[in-house]
Amino acid sequence: MSLLRLINVQGIAGIAVSIALGVLLLLQKVETGRWKKESTRFEQLYGQEQTALSGTIASYRAAAETARAADQANLTRVAAEQHAISERTSDDYEARLAAARSLAQRLRSQAASATTDPGPGRESPMPGLSAAAGGPPQAASKDGLPQSDRLIATEQAIQLDELIKWVKAQAVIDPNESPR
């Protein structure tokens, strides 16, 4: 009891304030430690997020590069198919034109030689057809094409036919199909 006599109201208030400040200091130290742990955890989470973001960016870049390469391969494939179709159509067109021209020339030669053809196994030549009988009748050339325009019409028909084949073949090519 003697100790309490030595301490007055102000002394007790000072002790109480000191104890309260000690408790606050202790709480502050606990809180600081907790926030240091949280800060470390947040730093780790931030690092993980940055790593994941870097990985995502790298994945997107790789996917974009793969898509560009696939598009380029597809472009090359489509161009090659279109070129092959064009070459094949052009070759077919030239062959058909040559055949039509050859046939027209042979028919002209046969028509020209028919007027002086002696006939099979005959010694003396037969008289040729008259000019009216040798050529197409006038009425027929009104309804049909004149002899001079028949080859041109045949060539144009072949050209249109090959153009139709070319368009149909080009339409079959799927530019979105993945390369084989």
N, C-alpha and C. Protein backbone atom coordinates (compact mmCIF):
# COMPACT_ATOMS: atom_id res chain seq x y z
N MET A 1 0.78 -1.17 0.00
CA MET A 1 0.00 0.00 0.00
C MET A 1 0.84 1.25 0.00
N SER A 2 1.94 1.11 0.48
CA SER A 2 2.78 2.28 0.53
C SER A 2 3.13 2.77 -0.87
N LEU A 3 3.15 1.90 -1.78
CA LEU A 3 3.47 2.31 -3.16
C LEU A 3 2.33 3.13 -3.74
N LEU A 4 1.11 2.80 -3.37
CA LEU A 4 -0.02 3.55 -3.87
C LEU A 4 -0.04 4.96 -3.27
N ARG A 5 0.45 5.09 -2.09
CA ARG A 5 0.50 6.41 -1.50
C ARG A 5 1.48 7.30 -2.20
N LEU A 6 2.51 6.70 -2.68
CA LEU A 6 3.51 7.48 -3.38
C LEU A 6 2.98 7.96 -4.74
N ILE A 7 2.08 7.21 -5.30
CA ILE A 7 1.58 7.56 -6.63
C ILE A 7 0.27 8.32 -6.43
N ASN A 8 0.20 9.44 -7.03
CA ASN A 8 -1.01 10.24 -6.94
C ASN A 8 -1.82 10.05 -8.22
N VAL A 9 -2.85 10.86 -8.40
CA VAL A 9 -3.76 10.76 -9.54
C VAL A 9 -2.99 11.00 -10.83
N GLN A 10 -2.12 11.92 -10.79
CA GLN A 10 -1.36 12.22 -12.01
C GLN A 10 -0.44 11.06 -12.35
N GLY A 11 0.12 10.43 -11.37
CA GLY A 11 0.99 9.29 -11.60
C GLY A 11 0.22 8.11 -12.19
N ILE A 12 -1.02 7.91 -11.67
CA ILE A 12 -1.84 6.82 -12.17
C ILE A 12 -2.26 7.13 -13.60
N ALA A 13 -2.58 8.36 -13.88
CA ALA A 13 -2.95 8.74 -15.24
C ALA A 13 -1.76 8.55 -16.17
N GLY A 14 -0.58 8.87 -15.72
CA GLY A 14 0.62 8.71 -16.54
C GLY A 14 0.89 7.25 -16.83
N ILE A 15 0.66 6.38 -15.83
CA ILE A 15 0.87 4.94 -16.01
C ILE A 15 -0.18 4.40 -17.01
N ALA A 16 -1.42 4.86 -16.84
CA ALA A 16 -2.48 4.40 -17.74
C ALA A 16 -2.19 4.83 -19.18
N VAL A 17 -1.74 6.06 -19.33
CA VAL A 17 -1.41 6.55 -20.69
C VAL A 17 -0.24 5.75 -21.24
N SER A 18 0.76 5.46 -20.41
CA SER A 18 1.92 4.69 -20.87
C SER A 18 1.50 3.29 -21.30
N ILE A 19 0.60 2.67 -20.51
CA ILE A 19 0.13 1.32 -20.86
C ILE A 19 -0.67 1.39 -22.17
N ALA A 20 -1.51 2.40 -22.31
CA ALA A 20 -2.30 2.55 -23.55
C ALA A 20 -1.39 2.76 -24.74
N LEU A 21 -0.37 3.61 -24.55
CA LEU A 21 0.58 3.83 -25.66
C LEU A 21 1.35 2.55 -25.98
N GLY A 22 1.70 1.78 -24.98
CA GLY A 22 2.39 0.50 -25.20
C GLY A 22 1.51 -0.47 -25.98
N VAL A 23 0.21 -0.51 -25.59
CA VAL A 23 -0.71 -1.39 -26.30
C VAL A 23 -0.87 -0.91 -27.74
N LEU A 24 -0.97 0.38 -27.95
CA LEU A 24 -1.09 0.92 -29.32
C LEU A 24 0.18 0.61 -30.13
N LEU A 25 1.34 0.75 -29.47
CA LEU A 25 2.58 0.43 -30.17
C LEU A 25 2.63 -1.04 -30.56
N LEU A 26 2.19 -1.89 -29.62
CA LEU A 26 2.15 -3.31 -29.91
C LEU A 26 1.18 -3.62 -31.06
N LEU A 27 0.00 -3.00 -31.02
CA LEU A 27 -0.96 -3.18 -32.11
C LEU A 27 -0.39 -2.68 -33.44
N GLN A 28 0.31 -1.56 -33.39
CA GLN A 28 0.91 -1.01 -34.62
C GLN A 28 1.95 -1.97 -35.17
N LYS A 29 2.75 -2.58 -34.31
CA LYS A 29 3.76 -3.54 -34.78
C LYS A 29 3.08 -4.76 -35.41
N VAL A 30 2.00 -5.24 -34.79
CA VAL A 30 1.27 -6.39 -35.35
C VAL A 30 0.68 -6.00 -36.71
N GLU A 31 0.10 -4.84 -36.77
CA GLU A 31 -0.51 -4.36 -38.02
C GLU A 31 0.56 -4.17 -39.11
N THR A 32 1.70 -3.63 -38.74
CA THR A 32 2.80 -3.44 -39.70
C THR A 32 3.27 -4.78 -40.23
N GLY A 33 3.41 -5.74 -39.39
CA GLY A 33 3.82 -7.09 -39.82
C GLY A 33 2.80 -7.70 -40.77
N ARG A 34 1.52 -7.52 -40.42
CA ARG A 34 0.47 -8.07 -41.30
C ARG A 34 0.51 -7.41 -42.66
N TRP A 35 0.69 -6.09 -42.69
CA TRP A 35 0.72 -5.40 -43.98
C TRP A 35 1.98 -5.72 -44.78
N LYS A 36 3.07 -6.00 -44.08
CA LYS A 36 4.28 -6.43 -44.80
C LYS A 36 4.02 -7.77 -45.49
N LYS A 37 3.35 -8.69 -44.76
CA LYS A 37 3.01 -9.98 -45.37
C LYS A 37 2.07 -9.78 -46.54
N GLU A 38 1.05 -8.92 -46.37
CA GLU A 38 0.09 -8.64 -47.45
C GLU A 38 0.81 -8.01 -48.64
N SER A 39 1.71 -7.09 -48.35
CA SER A 39 2.46 -6.43 -49.41
C SER A 39 3.28 -7.45 -50.19
N THR A 40 3.91 -8.36 -49.50
CA THR A 40 4.68 -9.42 -50.17
C THR A 40 3.76 -10.30 -51.02
N ARG A 41 2.61 -10.63 -50.46
CA ARG A 41 1.64 -11.46 -51.21
C ARG A 41 1.15 -10.71 -52.45
N PHE A 42 0.83 -9.40 -52.29
CA PHE A 42 0.38 -8.61 -53.44
C PHE A 42 1.48 -8.48 -54.49
N GLU A 43 2.70 -8.38 -54.03
CA GLU A 43 3.83 -8.29 -54.96
C GLU A 43 3.97 -9.59 -55.75
N GLN A 44 3.80 -10.71 -55.08
CA GLN A 44 3.85 -12.01 -55.76
C GLN A 44 2.70 -12.14 -56.76
N LEU A 45 1.50 -11.72 -56.34
CA LEU A 45 0.36 -11.77 -57.26
C LEU A 45 0.61 -10.88 -58.47
N TYR A 46 1.16 -9.69 -58.23
CA TYR A 46 1.45 -8.78 -59.34
C TYR A 46 2.47 -9.42 -60.29
N GLY A 47 3.49 -10.05 -59.73
CA GLY A 47 4.50 -10.73 -60.55
C GLY A 47 3.88 -11.86 -61.37
N GLN A 48 2.98 -12.62 -60.73
CA GLN A 48 2.31 -13.71 -61.45
C GLN A 48 1.42 -13.16 -62.57
N GLU A 49 0.72 -12.06 -62.28
CA GLU A 49 -0.13 -11.45 -63.31
C GLU A 49 0.72 -10.93 -64.47
N GLN A 50 1.84 -10.33 -64.18
CA GLN A 50 2.72 -9.83 -65.23
C GLN A 50 3.28 -10.99 -66.06
N THR A 51 3.63 -12.08 -65.41
CA THR A 51 4.12 -13.27 -66.12
C THR A 51 3.01 -13.84 -67.01
N ALA A 52 1.79 -13.92 -66.44
CA ALA A 52 0.66 -14.43 -67.23
C ALA A 52 0.36 -13.51 -68.41
N LEU A 53 0.43 -12.20 -68.19
CA LEU A 53 0.20 -11.24 -69.27
C LEU A 53 1.25 -11.39 -70.36
N SER A 54 2.50 -11.54 -69.95
CA SER A 54 3.57 -11.74 -70.93
C SER A 54 3.35 -13.03 -71.72
N GLY A 55 2.92 -14.07 -71.03
CA GLY A 55 2.63 -15.34 -71.71
C GLY A 55 1.47 -15.21 -72.68
N THR A 56 0.43 -14.47 -72.26
CA THR A 56 -0.72 -14.26 -73.14
C THR A 56 -0.32 -13.47 -74.37
N ILE A 57 0.46 -12.42 -74.17
CA ILE A 57 0.91 -11.61 -75.31
C ILE A 57 1.75 -12.45 -76.26
N ALA A 58 2.64 -13.27 -75.70
CA ALA A 58 3.47 -14.14 -76.55
C ALA A 58 2.60 -15.15 -77.30
N SER A 59 1.58 -15.68 -76.62
CA SER A 59 0.68 -16.64 -77.28
C SER A 59 -0.08 -15.97 -78.42
N TYR A 60 -0.59 -14.76 -78.17
CA TYR A 60 -1.31 -14.05 -79.22
C TYR A 60 -0.40 -13.73 -80.40
N ARG A 61 0.82 -13.32 -80.11
CA ARG A 61 1.77 -13.02 -81.19
C ARG A 61 2.09 -14.28 -81.99
N ALA A 62 2.29 -15.39 -81.29
CA ALA A 62 2.58 -16.66 -81.99
C ALA A 62 1.38 -17.09 -82.83
N ALA A 63 0.17 -16.93 -82.26
CA ALA A 63 -1.04 -17.30 -83.01
C ALA A 63 -1.21 -16.40 -84.23
N ALA A 64 -0.92 -15.11 -84.08
CA ALA A 64 -1.03 -14.18 -85.21
C ALA A 64 -0.01 -14.55 -86.29
N GLU A 65 1.19 -14.91 -85.87
CA GLU A 65 2.22 -15.29 -86.85
C GLU A 65 1.84 -16.60 -87.55
N THR A 66 1.28 -17.54 -86.80
CA THR A 66 0.82 -18.79 -87.39
C THR A 66 -0.30 -18.53 -88.38
N ALA A 67 -1.21 -17.63 -88.01
CA ALA A 67 -2.32 -17.28 -88.92
C ALA A 67 -1.79 -16.61 -90.18
N ARG A 68 -0.80 -15.72 -90.01
CA ARG A 68 -0.21 -15.06 -91.19
C ARG A 68 0.45 -16.09 -92.10
N ALA A 69 1.17 -17.04 -91.51
CA ALA A 69 1.83 -18.08 -92.31
C ALA A 69 0.79 -18.95 -93.02
N ALA A 70 -0.30 -19.28 -92.30
CA ALA A 70 -1.37 -20.09 -92.92
C ALA A 70 -2.04 -19.32 -94.05
N ASP A 71 -2.27 -18.01 -93.83
CA ASP A 71 -2.86 -17.19 -94.89
C ASP A 71 -1.95 -17.12 -96.10
N GLN A 72 -0.66 -16.98 -95.87
CA GLN A 72 0.29 -16.93 -96.98
C GLN A 72 0.31 -18.26 -97.73
N ALA A 73 0.31 -19.36 -96.99
CA ALA A 73 0.29 -20.68 -97.63
C ALA A 73 -1.01 -20.86 -98.42
N ASN A 74 -2.12 -20.40 -97.85
CA ASN A 74 -3.40 -20.51 -98.53
C ASN A 74 -3.41 -19.64 -99.78
N LEU A 75 -2.84 -18.44 -99.68
CA LEU A 75 -2.76 -17.55 -100.85
C LEU A 75 -1.94 -18.20 -101.95
N THR A 76 -0.84 -18.80 -101.57
CA THR A 76 0.02 -19.48 -102.55
C THR A 76 -0.73 -20.65 -103.20
N ARG A 77 -1.45 -21.42 -102.37
CA ARG A 77 -2.21 -22.56 -102.89
C ARG A 77 -3.29 -22.11 -103.86
N VAL A 78 -4.06 -21.09 -103.48
CA VAL A 78 -5.14 -20.60 -104.33
C VAL A 78 -4.58 -20.04 -105.63
N ALA A 79 -3.49 -19.28 -105.53
CA ALA A 79 -2.88 -18.71 -106.75
C ALA A 79 -2.38 -19.83 -107.67
N ALA A 80 -1.79 -20.86 -107.09
CA ALA A 80 -1.30 -21.98 -107.91
C ALA A 80 -2.47 -22.72 -108.58
N GLU A 81 -3.55 -22.95 -107.82
CA GLU A 81 -4.71 -23.62 -108.41
C GLU A 81 -5.33 -22.76 -109.53
N GLN A 82 -5.44 -21.46 -109.28
CA GLN A 82 -6.01 -20.58 -110.30
C GLN A 82 -5.12 -20.53 -111.54
N HIS A 83 -3.81 -20.50 -111.32
CA HIS A 83 -2.89 -20.47 -112.46
C HIS A 83 -2.98 -21.78 -113.25
N ALA A 84 -3.08 -22.90 -112.55
CA ALA A 84 -3.20 -24.20 -113.23
C ALA A 84 -4.48 -24.27 -114.05
N ILE A 85 -5.57 -23.76 -113.48
CA ILE A 85 -6.85 -23.75 -114.21
C ILE A 85 -6.73 -22.86 -115.44
N SER A 86 -6.13 -21.70 -115.28
CA SER A 86 -5.97 -20.78 -116.41
C SER A 86 -5.11 -21.39 -117.51
N GLU A 87 -4.01 -22.03 -117.11
CA GLU A 87 -3.13 -22.68 -118.09
C GLU A 87 -3.87 -23.81 -118.82
N ARG A 88 -4.56 -24.64 -118.06
CA ARG A 88 -5.28 -25.77 -118.65
C ARG A 88 -6.36 -25.25 -119.61
N THR A 89 -7.09 -24.23 -119.18
CA THR A 89 -8.14 -23.66 -120.03
C THR A 89 -7.55 -23.04 -121.29
N SER A 90 -6.45 -22.33 -121.13
CA SER A 90 -5.78 -21.72 -122.28
C SER A 90 -5.29 -22.78 -123.26
N ASP A 91 -4.72 -23.85 -122.73
CA ASP A 91 -4.24 -24.94 -123.60
C ASP A 91 -5.41 -25.59 -124.34
N ASP A 92 -6.50 -25.84 -123.61
CA ASP A 92 -7.69 -26.44 -124.24
C ASP A 92 -8.25 -25.51 -125.32
N TYR A 93 -8.29 -24.23 -125.01
CA TYR A 93 -8.80 -23.23 -125.96
C TYR A 93 -7.95 -23.21 -127.23
N GLU A 94 -6.64 -23.17 -127.06
CA GLU A 94 -5.75 -23.15 -128.22
C GLU A 94 -5.88 -24.43 -129.04
N ALA A 95 -6.01 -25.57 -128.36
CA ALA A 95 -6.15 -26.85 -129.08
C ALA A 95 -7.47 -26.89 -129.86
N ARG A 96 -8.54 -26.45 -129.22
CA ARG A 96 -9.84 -26.45 -129.90
C ARG A 96 -9.85 -25.46 -131.07
N LEU A 97 -9.22 -24.30 -130.88
CA LEU A 97 -9.14 -23.32 -131.99
C LEU A 97 -8.35 -23.89 -133.15
N ALA A 98 -7.22 -24.52 -132.85
CA ALA A 98 -6.39 -25.10 -133.91
C ALA A 98 -7.17 -26.19 -134.65
N ALA A 99 -7.91 -27.01 -133.91
CA ALA A 99 -8.70 -28.07 -134.55
C ALA A 99 -9.80 -27.46 -135.43
N ALA A 100 -10.47 -26.41 -134.95
CA ALA A 100 -11.54 -25.77 -135.73
C ALA A 100 -10.96 -25.11 -136.98
N ARG A 101 -9.82 -24.46 -136.84
CA ARG A 101 -9.19 -23.81 -138.00
C ARG A 101 -8.72 -24.85 -139.01
N SER A 102 -8.17 -25.94 -138.51
CA SER A 102 -7.72 -27.00 -139.40
C SER A 102 -8.91 -27.61 -140.16
N LEU A 103 -10.00 -27.84 -139.45
CA LEU A 103 -11.20 -28.38 -140.08
C LEU A 103 -11.76 -27.40 -141.10
N ALA A 104 -11.77 -26.13 -140.77
CA ALA A 104 -12.27 -25.12 -141.71
C ALA A 104 -11.39 -25.08 -142.96
N GLN A 105 -10.10 -25.16 -142.76
CA GLN A 105 -9.18 -25.14 -143.92
C GLN A 105 -9.39 -26.39 -144.77
N ARG A 106 -9.56 -27.54 -144.14
CA ARG A 106 -9.78 -28.78 -144.88
C ARG A 106 -11.09 -28.71 -145.66
N LEU A 107 -12.14 -28.16 -145.02
CA LEU A 107 -13.42 -28.03 -145.71
C LEU A 107 -13.32 -27.07 -146.88
N ARG A 108 -12.58 -25.98 -146.72
CA ARG A 108 -12.39 -25.04 -147.83
C ARG A 108 -11.63 -25.71 -148.97
N SER A 109 -10.60 -26.49 -148.59
CA SER A 109 -9.82 -27.19 -149.62
C SER A 109 -10.68 -28.22 -150.34
N GLN A 110 -11.51 -28.93 -149.60
CA GLN A 110 -12.39 -29.92 -150.22
C GLN A 110 -13.40 -29.24 -151.13
N ALA A 111 -13.93 -28.10 -150.68
CA ALA A 111 -14.90 -27.39 -151.51
C ALA A 111 -14.24 -26.87 -152.78
N ALA A 112 -13.01 -26.41 -152.66
CA ALA A 112 -12.31 -25.89 -153.84
C ALA A 112 -11.94 -27.02 -154.79
N SER A 113 -11.55 -28.17 -154.25
CA SER A 113 -11.15 -29.26 -155.12
C SER A 113 -12.35 -30.03 -155.66
N ALA A 114 -13.51 -29.85 -155.08
CA ALA A 114 -14.70 -30.56 -155.54
C ALA A 114 -15.10 -30.12 -156.95
N THR A 115 -14.76 -28.93 -157.34
CA THR A 115 -15.13 -28.46 -158.68
C THR A 115 -14.28 -29.11 -159.75
N THR A 116 -13.07 -29.61 -159.41
CA THR A 116 -12.21 -30.22 -160.43
C THR A 116 -11.86 -31.67 -160.09
N ASP A 117 -12.51 -32.30 -159.17
CA ASP A 117 -12.21 -33.67 -158.76
C ASP A 117 -12.65 -34.65 -159.85
N PRO A 118 -11.74 -35.50 -160.33
CA PRO A 118 -12.11 -36.43 -161.38
C PRO A 118 -12.99 -37.56 -160.87
N GLY A 119 -13.07 -37.79 -159.60
CA GLY A 119 -13.89 -38.90 -159.10
C GLY A 119 -13.04 -40.14 -158.98
N PRO A 120 -13.42 -41.06 -158.16
CA PRO A 120 -12.59 -42.26 -157.93
C PRO A 120 -12.60 -43.19 -159.15
N GLY A 121 -11.39 -43.57 -159.59
CA GLY A 121 -11.24 -44.57 -160.65
C GLY A 121 -11.58 -44.06 -162.04
N ARG A 122 -11.78 -42.85 -162.25
CA ARG A 122 -12.11 -42.33 -163.57
C ARG A 122 -10.89 -41.68 -164.17
N GLU A 123 -10.78 -41.88 -165.43
CA GLU A 123 -9.65 -41.32 -166.15
C GLU A 123 -9.88 -39.86 -166.46
N SER A 124 -11.01 -39.55 -166.95
CA SER A 124 -11.25 -38.17 -167.35
C SER A 124 -11.95 -37.43 -166.23
N PRO A 125 -11.59 -36.20 -166.03
CA PRO A 125 -12.23 -35.44 -164.97
C PRO A 125 -13.69 -35.19 -165.28
N MET A 126 -14.45 -35.20 -164.22
CA MET A 126 -15.87 -34.89 -164.39
C MET A 126 -16.00 -33.38 -164.42
N PRO A 127 -16.96 -32.90 -165.08
CA PRO A 127 -17.12 -31.46 -165.08
C PRO A 127 -17.48 -31.00 -163.68
N GLY A 128 -16.96 -29.85 -163.29
CA GLY A 128 -17.23 -29.29 -161.97
C GLY A 128 -18.65 -28.77 -161.89
N LEU A 129 -19.06 -28.54 -160.69
CA LEU A 129 -20.38 -27.97 -160.48
C LEU A 129 -20.39 -26.52 -160.93
N SER A 130 -21.53 -26.09 -161.30
CA SER A 130 -21.62 -24.69 -161.70
C SER A 130 -21.43 -23.83 -160.46
N ALA A 131 -21.17 -22.54 -160.66
CA ALA A 131 -20.93 -21.64 -159.55
C ALA A 131 -22.14 -21.59 -158.63
N ALA A 132 -23.32 -21.65 -159.19
CA ALA A 132 -24.53 -21.59 -158.38
C ALA A 132 -24.68 -22.87 -157.57
N ALA A 133 -24.35 -24.02 -158.16
CA ALA A 133 -24.50 -25.28 -157.45
C ALA A 133 -23.34 -25.52 -156.48
N GLY A 134 -22.17 -24.94 -156.75
CA GLY A 134 -21.00 -25.16 -155.90
C GLY A 134 -21.08 -24.40 -154.59
N GLY A 135 -21.67 -23.22 -154.56
CA GLY A 135 -21.75 -22.41 -153.34
C GLY A 135 -23.06 -22.65 -152.63
N PRO A 136 -23.19 -22.13 -151.45
CA PRO A 136 -24.45 -22.30 -150.74
C PRO A 136 -25.55 -21.50 -151.42
N PRO A 137 -26.74 -21.99 -151.39
CA PRO A 137 -27.82 -21.24 -152.01
C PRO A 137 -28.00 -19.90 -151.32
N GLN A 138 -28.48 -18.95 -152.05
CA GLN A 138 -28.67 -17.59 -151.55
C GLN A 138 -29.62 -17.58 -150.35
N ALA A 139 -30.66 -18.36 -150.43
CA ALA A 139 -31.64 -18.37 -149.35
C ALA A 139 -31.02 -18.91 -148.07
N ALA A 140 -30.12 -19.90 -148.17
CA ALA A 140 -29.51 -20.48 -146.99
C ALA A 140 -28.59 -19.48 -146.30
N SER A 141 -27.90 -18.66 -147.04
CA SER A 141 -27.00 -17.70 -146.40
C SER A 141 -27.78 -16.57 -145.74
N LYS A 142 -29.04 -16.36 -146.13
CA LYS A 142 -29.85 -15.36 -145.43
C LYS A 142 -30.21 -15.88 -144.04
N ASP A 143 -30.58 -17.15 -143.93
CA ASP A 143 -30.98 -17.72 -142.65
C ASP A 143 -29.78 -18.12 -141.79
N GLY A 144 -28.71 -18.55 -142.41
CA GLY A 144 -27.52 -18.99 -141.68
C GLY A 144 -26.44 -17.94 -141.77
N LEU A 145 -25.23 -18.35 -141.44
CA LEU A 145 -24.09 -17.45 -141.52
C LEU A 145 -23.44 -17.58 -142.88
N PRO A 146 -22.92 -16.49 -143.40
CA PRO A 146 -22.13 -16.60 -144.63
C PRO A 146 -20.89 -17.44 -144.36
N GLN A 147 -20.37 -18.02 -145.38
CA GLN A 147 -19.21 -18.91 -145.27
C GLN A 147 -18.05 -18.21 -144.56
N SER A 148 -17.83 -16.94 -144.86
CA SER A 148 -16.69 -16.23 -144.29
C SER A 148 -16.84 -16.01 -142.77
N ASP A 149 -18.06 -16.00 -142.27
CA ASP A 149 -18.28 -15.73 -140.84
C ASP A 149 -18.40 -17.00 -140.00
N ARG A 150 -18.47 -18.15 -140.64
CA ARG A 150 -18.68 -19.38 -139.88
C ARG A 150 -17.50 -19.71 -138.97
N LEU A 151 -16.29 -19.53 -139.48
CA LEU A 151 -15.10 -19.80 -138.66
C LEU A 151 -15.04 -18.82 -137.48
N ILE A 152 -15.35 -17.56 -137.73
CA ILE A 152 -15.34 -16.56 -136.66
C ILE A 152 -16.37 -16.94 -135.59
N ALA A 153 -17.56 -17.35 -136.00
CA ALA A 153 -18.60 -17.74 -135.05
C ALA A 153 -18.17 -18.97 -134.26
N THR A 154 -17.53 -19.92 -134.93
CA THR A 154 -17.05 -21.12 -134.25
C THR A 154 -15.98 -20.75 -133.22
N GLU A 155 -15.06 -19.87 -133.62
CA GLU A 155 -14.01 -19.44 -132.70
C GLU A 155 -14.61 -18.73 -131.48
N GLN A 156 -15.60 -17.89 -131.70
CA GLN A 156 -16.23 -17.19 -130.58
C GLN A 156 -17.00 -18.15 -129.68
N ALA A 157 -17.64 -19.14 -130.29
CA ALA A 157 -18.36 -20.14 -129.49
C ALA A 157 -17.39 -20.93 -128.62
N ILE A 158 -16.25 -21.29 -129.20
CA ILE A 158 -15.22 -22.01 -128.43
C ILE A 158 -14.70 -21.13 -127.31
N GLN A 159 -14.47 -19.85 -127.64
CA GLN A 159 -13.98 -18.91 -126.63
C GLN A 159 -14.97 -18.79 -125.46
N LEU A 160 -16.24 -18.64 -125.77
CA LEU A 160 -17.25 -18.53 -124.72
C LEU A 160 -17.36 -19.82 -123.91
N ASP A 161 -17.31 -20.96 -124.60
CA ASP A 161 -17.39 -22.24 -123.92
C ASP A 161 -16.22 -22.40 -122.95
N GLU A 162 -15.01 -22.07 -123.38
CA GLU A 162 -13.84 -22.19 -122.51
C GLU A 162 -13.90 -21.17 -121.37
N LEU A 163 -14.44 -20.00 -121.63
CA LEU A 163 -14.60 -19.00 -120.58
C LEU A 163 -15.57 -19.50 -119.51
N ILE A 164 -16.66 -20.11 -119.93
CA ILE A 164 -17.63 -20.68 -118.98
C ILE A 164 -16.96 -21.78 -118.15
N LYS A 165 -16.19 -22.65 -118.79
CA LYS A 165 -15.49 -23.71 -118.06
C LYS A 165 -14.50 -23.10 -117.07
N TRP A 166 -13.80 -22.04 -117.49
CA TRP A 166 -12.82 -21.39 -116.62
C TRP A 166 -13.50 -20.78 -115.39
N VAL A 167 -14.63 -20.09 -115.61
CA VAL A 167 -15.35 -19.47 -114.49
C VAL A 167 -15.85 -20.54 -113.52
N LYS A 168 -16.41 -21.62 -114.05
CA LYS A 168 -16.90 -22.70 -113.18
C LYS A 168 -15.75 -23.32 -112.39
N ALA A 169 -14.61 -23.53 -113.03
CA ALA A 169 -13.47 -24.12 -112.34
C ALA A 169 -12.93 -23.17 -111.28
N GLN A 170 -12.90 -21.87 -111.57
CA GLN A 170 -12.43 -20.89 -110.59
C GLN A 170 -13.37 -20.82 -109.40
N ALA A 171 -14.67 -20.97 -109.65
CA ALA A 171 -15.66 -20.88 -108.57
C ALA A 171 -15.56 -22.06 -107.61
N VAL A 172 -15.00 -23.16 -108.06
CA VAL A 172 -14.87 -24.35 -107.21
C VAL A 172 -13.78 -24.14 -106.15
N ILE A 173 -12.81 -23.29 -106.44
CA ILE A 173 -11.69 -23.07 -105.50
C ILE A 173 -12.23 -22.36 -104.26
N ASP A 174 -11.97 -22.95 -103.11
CA ASP A 174 -12.39 -22.35 -101.83
C ASP A 174 -11.20 -21.64 -101.22
N PRO A 175 -11.22 -20.29 -101.20
CA PRO A 175 -10.06 -19.58 -100.66
C PRO A 175 -9.93 -19.73 -99.15
N ASN A 176 -10.95 -20.23 -98.47
CA ASN A 176 -10.91 -20.36 -97.01
C ASN A 176 -10.56 -21.77 -96.57
N GLU A 177 -10.37 -22.66 -97.53
CA GLU A 177 -10.04 -24.05 -97.20
C GLU A 177 -8.60 -24.11 -96.71
N SER A 178 -8.36 -24.92 -95.70
CA SER A 178 -6.99 -25.05 -95.20
C SER A 178 -6.16 -25.84 -96.20
N PRO A 179 -4.86 -25.51 -96.31
CA PRO A 179 -4.01 -26.20 -97.28
C PRO A 179 -3.92 -27.69 -96.95
N ARG A 180 -3.77 -28.45 -97.98
CA ARG A 180 -3.68 -29.92 -97.80
C ARG A 180 -2.26 -30.30 -97.43
